[in-house]
Amino acid sequence: MWLEVDGFCDLLNSFWNERNVTSPSSFILAKKLNVLKTKLKEWTGDVFGHLEFKMANLVEEVNSLDEKEQQQSLSLSLSGR
């Protein structure tokens, strides 16, 4: 999903190159990965919104339509046909 967003690779490069730390290589890698994780979580929330919330709303909507269908036939506009 991330790779389909225009400019994601450039953004990833900027996150990765943002911090220049002079320390042992393993410490630098760990620190950069930690910063990258935080930045990607923030970016994902900004770009895609809260997916769990959106998914819960969609599941609720589908369940509501299922209940309506059980009570009566859905119109063509509601059934998506």
N, C-alpha and C. Protein backbone atom coordinates (compact mmCIF):
# COMPACT_ATOMS: atom_id res chain seq x y z
N MET A 1 0.82 -1.17 0.00
CA MET A 1 0.00 0.00 0.00
C MET A 1 0.88 1.26 0.00
N TRP A 2 1.94 1.25 0.81
CA TRP A 2 2.82 2.41 0.88
C TRP A 2 3.50 2.68 -0.46
N LEU A 3 3.91 1.60 -1.13
CA LEU A 3 4.66 1.76 -2.37
C LEU A 3 3.82 2.36 -3.50
N GLU A 4 2.49 2.33 -3.35
CA GLU A 4 1.62 2.88 -4.38
C GLU A 4 1.45 4.40 -4.24
N VAL A 5 1.92 4.98 -3.14
CA VAL A 5 1.79 6.42 -2.91
C VAL A 5 2.95 7.13 -3.61
N ASP A 6 2.61 8.09 -4.46
CA ASP A 6 3.64 8.86 -5.15
C ASP A 6 4.56 9.54 -4.15
N GLY A 7 5.85 9.42 -4.38
CA GLY A 7 6.84 10.09 -3.54
C GLY A 7 7.21 9.34 -2.28
N PHE A 8 6.66 8.12 -2.08
CA PHE A 8 6.97 7.39 -0.85
C PHE A 8 8.46 7.07 -0.73
N CYS A 9 9.07 6.64 -1.80
CA CYS A 9 10.50 6.28 -1.75
C CYS A 9 11.36 7.50 -1.40
N ASP A 10 11.01 8.65 -1.95
CA ASP A 10 11.74 9.88 -1.61
C ASP A 10 11.56 10.23 -0.14
N LEU A 11 10.34 10.08 0.34
CA LEU A 11 10.04 10.34 1.74
C LEU A 11 10.82 9.38 2.64
N LEU A 12 10.87 8.11 2.26
CA LEU A 12 11.61 7.11 3.01
C LEU A 12 13.09 7.47 3.07
N ASN A 13 13.63 7.89 1.95
CA ASN A 13 15.04 8.31 1.92
C ASN A 13 15.28 9.50 2.82
N SER A 14 14.36 10.46 2.82
CA SER A 14 14.55 11.64 3.67
C SER A 14 14.47 11.26 5.15
N PHE A 15 13.55 10.35 5.51
CA PHE A 15 13.48 9.88 6.90
C PHE A 15 14.78 9.19 7.29
N TRP A 16 15.26 8.33 6.41
CA TRP A 16 16.45 7.53 6.72
C TRP A 16 17.69 8.41 6.86
N ASN A 17 17.82 9.41 6.02
CA ASN A 17 19.00 10.26 6.02
C ASN A 17 18.89 11.47 6.95
N GLU A 18 17.80 11.57 7.65
CA GLU A 18 17.54 12.73 8.52
C GLU A 18 18.54 12.85 9.66
N ARG A 19 18.92 11.76 10.23
CA ARG A 19 19.81 11.80 11.39
C ARG A 19 21.20 11.31 11.01
N ASN A 20 22.17 12.12 11.32
CA ASN A 20 23.56 11.73 11.12
C ASN A 20 24.20 11.58 12.49
N VAL A 21 24.38 10.35 12.90
CA VAL A 21 24.92 10.04 14.22
C VAL A 21 26.29 9.42 14.04
N THR A 22 27.23 9.86 14.83
CA THR A 22 28.56 9.24 14.77
C THR A 22 28.69 8.32 15.99
N SER A 23 28.44 7.08 15.77
CA SER A 23 28.49 6.04 16.80
C SER A 23 28.81 4.73 16.11
N PRO A 24 28.92 3.66 16.89
CA PRO A 24 29.13 2.34 16.27
C PRO A 24 27.98 2.02 15.29
N SER A 25 28.32 1.30 14.25
CA SER A 25 27.36 1.00 13.19
C SER A 25 26.08 0.36 13.69
N SER A 26 26.20 -0.58 14.62
CA SER A 26 25.00 -1.26 15.13
C SER A 26 24.09 -0.28 15.87
N PHE A 27 24.66 0.66 16.59
CA PHE A 27 23.86 1.67 17.29
C PHE A 27 23.16 2.59 16.29
N ILE A 28 23.88 2.99 15.26
CA ILE A 28 23.31 3.87 14.23
C ILE A 28 22.13 3.18 13.55
N LEU A 29 22.31 1.91 13.18
CA LEU A 29 21.24 1.15 12.52
C LEU A 29 20.02 1.05 13.43
N ALA A 30 20.22 0.69 14.68
CA ALA A 30 19.11 0.55 15.62
C ALA A 30 18.38 1.88 15.80
N LYS A 31 19.12 2.95 15.94
CA LYS A 31 18.53 4.27 16.13
C LYS A 31 17.75 4.71 14.90
N LYS A 32 18.32 4.50 13.72
CA LYS A 32 17.64 4.89 12.48
C LYS A 32 16.36 4.07 12.28
N LEU A 33 16.41 2.77 12.58
CA LEU A 33 15.21 1.94 12.44
C LEU A 33 14.12 2.39 13.41
N ASN A 34 14.51 2.76 14.62
CA ASN A 34 13.55 3.23 15.60
C ASN A 34 12.89 4.53 15.15
N VAL A 35 13.69 5.47 14.66
CA VAL A 35 13.16 6.74 14.16
C VAL A 35 12.27 6.49 12.95
N LEU A 36 12.70 5.62 12.05
CA LEU A 36 11.94 5.30 10.85
C LEU A 36 10.57 4.71 11.22
N LYS A 37 10.55 3.82 12.18
CA LYS A 37 9.30 3.21 12.64
C LYS A 37 8.32 4.28 13.11
N THR A 38 8.79 5.20 13.92
CA THR A 38 7.95 6.28 14.45
C THR A 38 7.44 7.17 13.32
N LYS A 39 8.33 7.56 12.42
CA LYS A 39 7.96 8.44 11.31
C LYS A 39 6.94 7.77 10.39
N LEU A 40 7.13 6.46 10.10
CA LEU A 40 6.21 5.76 9.22
C LEU A 40 4.82 5.62 9.85
N LYS A 41 4.77 5.42 11.15
CA LYS A 41 3.48 5.36 11.83
C LYS A 41 2.74 6.69 11.71
N GLU A 42 3.45 7.78 11.92
CA GLU A 42 2.85 9.12 11.80
C GLU A 42 2.39 9.36 10.37
N TRP A 43 3.25 9.07 9.42
CA TRP A 43 2.95 9.29 8.01
C TRP A 43 1.74 8.45 7.58
N THR A 44 1.70 7.19 8.00
CA THR A 44 0.59 6.32 7.64
C THR A 44 -0.72 6.88 8.16
N GLY A 45 -0.72 7.36 9.39
CA GLY A 45 -1.92 7.96 9.95
C GLY A 45 -2.35 9.19 9.18
N ASP A 46 -1.39 10.01 8.76
CA ASP A 46 -1.70 11.22 8.00
C ASP A 46 -2.23 10.91 6.60
N VAL A 47 -1.62 9.95 5.94
CA VAL A 47 -1.96 9.66 4.55
C VAL A 47 -3.19 8.76 4.42
N PHE A 48 -3.25 7.71 5.21
CA PHE A 48 -4.32 6.73 5.07
C PHE A 48 -5.40 6.86 6.13
N GLY A 49 -5.15 7.64 7.15
CA GLY A 49 -6.12 7.73 8.24
C GLY A 49 -6.01 6.52 9.14
N HIS A 50 -6.94 6.39 10.00
CA HIS A 50 -6.93 5.27 10.94
C HIS A 50 -7.67 4.09 10.32
N LEU A 51 -6.91 3.17 9.76
CA LEU A 51 -7.48 2.08 9.00
C LEU A 51 -8.37 1.17 9.83
N GLU A 52 -8.01 0.95 11.10
CA GLU A 52 -8.82 0.09 11.96
C GLU A 52 -10.22 0.69 12.13
N PHE A 53 -10.27 2.01 12.33
CA PHE A 53 -11.54 2.70 12.48
C PHE A 53 -12.36 2.63 11.20
N LYS A 54 -11.71 2.86 10.07
CA LYS A 54 -12.40 2.79 8.78
C LYS A 54 -12.93 1.39 8.52
N MET A 55 -12.12 0.38 8.84
CA MET A 55 -12.51 -1.01 8.62
C MET A 55 -13.71 -1.37 9.51
N ALA A 56 -13.68 -0.94 10.77
CA ALA A 56 -14.79 -1.21 11.68
C ALA A 56 -16.08 -0.58 11.16
N ASN A 57 -16.00 0.64 10.63
CA ASN A 57 -17.18 1.29 10.06
C ASN A 57 -17.72 0.55 8.85
N LEU A 58 -16.81 0.07 8.00
CA LEU A 58 -17.25 -0.67 6.82
C LEU A 58 -17.89 -2.01 7.20
N VAL A 59 -17.33 -2.69 8.19
CA VAL A 59 -17.91 -3.95 8.66
C VAL A 59 -19.31 -3.70 9.23
N GLU A 60 -19.44 -2.62 9.98
CA GLU A 60 -20.75 -2.26 10.54
C GLU A 60 -21.76 -1.97 9.44
N GLU A 61 -21.32 -1.28 8.40
CA GLU A 61 -22.21 -0.99 7.27
C GLU A 61 -22.64 -2.26 6.54
N VAL A 62 -21.70 -3.18 6.33
CA VAL A 62 -22.03 -4.45 5.68
C VAL A 62 -23.01 -5.25 6.54
N ASN A 63 -22.77 -5.27 7.84
CA ASN A 63 -23.68 -5.99 8.74
C ASN A 63 -25.08 -5.39 8.70
N SER A 64 -25.15 -4.08 8.64
CA SER A 64 -26.45 -3.39 8.56
C SER A 64 -27.17 -3.77 7.27
N LEU A 65 -26.45 -3.79 6.17
CA LEU A 65 -27.06 -4.18 4.89
C LEU A 65 -27.49 -5.64 4.90
N ASP A 66 -26.71 -6.50 5.55
CA ASP A 66 -27.09 -7.92 5.68
C ASP A 66 -28.40 -8.05 6.45
N GLU A 67 -28.54 -7.27 7.52
CA GLU A 67 -29.78 -7.31 8.31
C GLU A 67 -30.97 -6.84 7.48
N LYS A 68 -30.77 -5.75 6.73
CA LYS A 68 -31.84 -5.23 5.88
C LYS A 68 -32.24 -6.26 4.83
N GLU A 69 -31.24 -6.95 4.28
CA GLU A 69 -31.53 -7.93 3.25
C GLU A 69 -32.32 -9.10 3.82
N GLN A 70 -32.04 -9.47 5.06
CA GLN A 70 -32.77 -10.57 5.68
C GLN A 70 -34.23 -10.18 5.93
N GLN A 71 -34.47 -8.90 6.21
CA GLN A 71 -35.82 -8.43 6.48
C GLN A 71 -36.61 -8.21 5.20
N GLN A 72 -35.94 -7.79 4.15
CA GLN A 72 -36.58 -7.52 2.88
C GLN A 72 -35.54 -7.54 1.77
N SER A 73 -35.97 -7.63 0.56
CA SER A 73 -35.03 -7.59 -0.56
C SER A 73 -34.43 -6.20 -0.66
N LEU A 74 -33.12 -6.13 -0.91
CA LEU A 74 -32.48 -4.85 -1.11
C LEU A 74 -32.81 -4.29 -2.47
N SER A 75 -32.92 -2.98 -2.56
CA SER A 75 -33.12 -2.35 -3.86
C SER A 75 -31.82 -2.49 -4.65
N LEU A 76 -31.92 -2.27 -5.95
CA LEU A 76 -30.72 -2.40 -6.79
C LEU A 76 -29.64 -1.42 -6.36
N SER A 77 -30.02 -0.22 -5.92
CA SER A 77 -29.01 0.77 -5.51
C SER A 77 -28.28 0.32 -4.25
N LEU A 78 -28.96 -0.32 -3.32
CA LEU A 78 -28.31 -0.80 -2.10
C LEU A 78 -27.50 -2.07 -2.31
N SER A 79 -27.94 -2.91 -3.25
CA SER A 79 -27.22 -4.16 -3.46
C SER A 79 -25.96 -3.98 -4.29
N GLY A 80 -25.80 -2.82 -4.94
CA GLY A 80 -24.59 -2.55 -5.70
C GLY A 80 -24.60 -3.18 -7.08
N ARG A 81 -25.74 -3.60 -7.55
CA ARG A 81 -25.81 -4.23 -8.87
C ARG A 81 -26.11 -3.23 -9.93
